Amino acid sequence: MVAAAAENLEQRGAEPTLQRVLELLGTGSPNIAQRHLSTVA
């Protein structure tokens, strides 16, 4: 889910920051999302 959200943001021309990913997902733990986001970036 985090990877898909990050990709969605990139397609819209936005940098996939932790805050933006969490806002797009609407829920989730920042710690867990950060771990997944760091593997995507």
N, C-alpha and C. Protein backbone atom coordinates (compact mmCIF):
# COMPACT_ATOMS: atom_id res chain seq x y z
N MET A 1 0.81 -1.19 0.00
CA MET A 1 0.00 0.00 0.00
C MET A 1 0.86 1.26 0.00
N VAL A 2 1.94 1.23 0.77
CA VAL A 2 2.82 2.40 0.84
C VAL A 2 3.48 2.63 -0.51
N ALA A 3 3.93 1.56 -1.14
CA ALA A 3 4.58 1.69 -2.45
C ALA A 3 3.61 2.24 -3.49
N ALA A 4 2.38 1.77 -3.46
CA ALA A 4 1.38 2.25 -4.41
C ALA A 4 1.07 3.73 -4.17
N ALA A 5 0.98 4.12 -2.91
CA ALA A 5 0.72 5.52 -2.59
C ALA A 5 1.89 6.40 -3.05
N ALA A 6 3.11 5.94 -2.82
CA ALA A 6 4.29 6.69 -3.24
C ALA A 6 4.32 6.83 -4.76
N GLU A 7 4.01 5.78 -5.46
CA GLU A 7 3.98 5.82 -6.92
C GLU A 7 2.90 6.77 -7.41
N ASN A 8 1.75 6.74 -6.78
CA ASN A 8 0.65 7.63 -7.13
C ASN A 8 1.08 9.08 -6.98
N LEU A 9 1.75 9.40 -5.89
CA LEU A 9 2.22 10.77 -5.67
C LEU A 9 3.24 11.18 -6.73
N GLU A 10 4.16 10.29 -7.04
CA GLU A 10 5.17 10.59 -8.06
C GLU A 10 4.52 10.84 -9.42
N GLN A 11 3.50 10.07 -9.75
CA GLN A 11 2.81 10.25 -11.03
C GLN A 11 2.13 11.61 -11.10
N ARG A 12 1.75 12.14 -9.94
CA ARG A 12 1.12 13.46 -9.90
C ARG A 12 2.15 14.58 -9.76
N GLY A 13 3.43 14.22 -9.76
CA GLY A 13 4.48 15.23 -9.70
C GLY A 13 4.83 15.68 -8.29
N ALA A 14 4.37 14.94 -7.28
CA ALA A 14 4.65 15.29 -5.89
C ALA A 14 5.70 14.35 -5.33
N GLU A 15 6.56 14.88 -4.48
CA GLU A 15 7.54 14.03 -3.82
C GLU A 15 6.83 13.15 -2.79
N PRO A 16 7.10 11.86 -2.78
CA PRO A 16 6.40 10.96 -1.85
C PRO A 16 6.99 11.01 -0.44
N THR A 17 6.69 12.06 0.29
CA THR A 17 7.16 12.18 1.66
C THR A 17 6.30 11.32 2.58
N LEU A 18 6.80 11.07 3.76
CA LEU A 18 6.05 10.27 4.73
C LEU A 18 4.69 10.90 5.01
N GLN A 19 4.68 12.19 5.22
CA GLN A 19 3.42 12.89 5.53
C GLN A 19 2.42 12.76 4.38
N ARG A 20 2.88 12.95 3.17
CA ARG A 20 1.98 12.85 2.01
C ARG A 20 1.44 11.44 1.83
N VAL A 21 2.30 10.45 2.03
CA VAL A 21 1.87 9.06 1.90
C VAL A 21 0.80 8.75 2.93
N LEU A 22 1.03 9.15 4.18
CA LEU A 22 0.05 8.89 5.23
C LEU A 22 -1.27 9.62 4.95
N GLU A 23 -1.19 10.83 4.45
CA GLU A 23 -2.41 11.57 4.12
C GLU A 23 -3.18 10.86 3.01
N LEU A 24 -2.46 10.36 2.02
CA LEU A 24 -3.11 9.67 0.92
C LEU A 24 -3.74 8.35 1.38
N LEU A 25 -3.05 7.63 2.26
CA LEU A 25 -3.58 6.38 2.78
C LEU A 25 -4.73 6.60 3.74
N GLY A 26 -4.69 7.71 4.46
CA GLY A 26 -5.75 8.01 5.41
C GLY A 26 -5.58 7.35 6.76
N THR A 27 -4.63 6.45 6.89
CA THR A 27 -4.40 5.76 8.14
C THR A 27 -3.02 5.13 8.11
N GLY A 28 -2.57 4.64 9.23
CA GLY A 28 -1.30 3.91 9.27
C GLY A 28 -0.34 4.47 10.29
N SER A 29 0.58 3.63 10.66
CA SER A 29 1.62 4.00 11.62
C SER A 29 2.77 4.68 10.88
N PRO A 30 3.18 5.85 11.34
CA PRO A 30 4.32 6.51 10.69
C PRO A 30 5.59 5.66 10.70
N ASN A 31 5.82 4.93 11.78
CA ASN A 31 7.02 4.10 11.86
C ASN A 31 7.03 2.99 10.82
N ILE A 32 5.92 2.32 10.68
CA ILE A 32 5.84 1.22 9.71
C ILE A 32 5.85 1.78 8.28
N ALA A 33 5.12 2.85 8.06
CA ALA A 33 5.10 3.46 6.72
C ALA A 33 6.49 3.92 6.32
N GLN A 34 7.25 4.48 7.27
CA GLN A 34 8.60 4.94 6.96
C GLN A 34 9.49 3.78 6.54
N ARG A 35 9.36 2.65 7.20
CA ARG A 35 10.15 1.47 6.82
C ARG A 35 9.86 1.04 5.39
N HIS A 36 8.58 1.03 5.03
CA HIS A 36 8.20 0.64 3.68
C HIS A 36 8.61 1.71 2.67
N LEU A 37 8.46 2.95 3.04
CA LEU A 37 8.80 4.04 2.13
C LEU A 37 10.30 4.05 1.85
N SER A 38 11.12 3.74 2.82
CA SER A 38 12.57 3.76 2.62
C SER A 38 13.01 2.65 1.65
N THR A 39 12.23 1.59 1.53
CA THR A 39 12.57 0.54 0.57
C THR A 39 12.13 0.90 -0.84
N VAL A 40 11.18 1.82 -0.95
CA VAL A 40 10.66 2.25 -2.25
C VAL A 40 11.54 3.34 -2.85
N ALA A 41 11.97 4.26 -2.01
CA ALA A 41 12.70 5.46 -2.47
C ALA A 41 14.06 5.17 -3.00
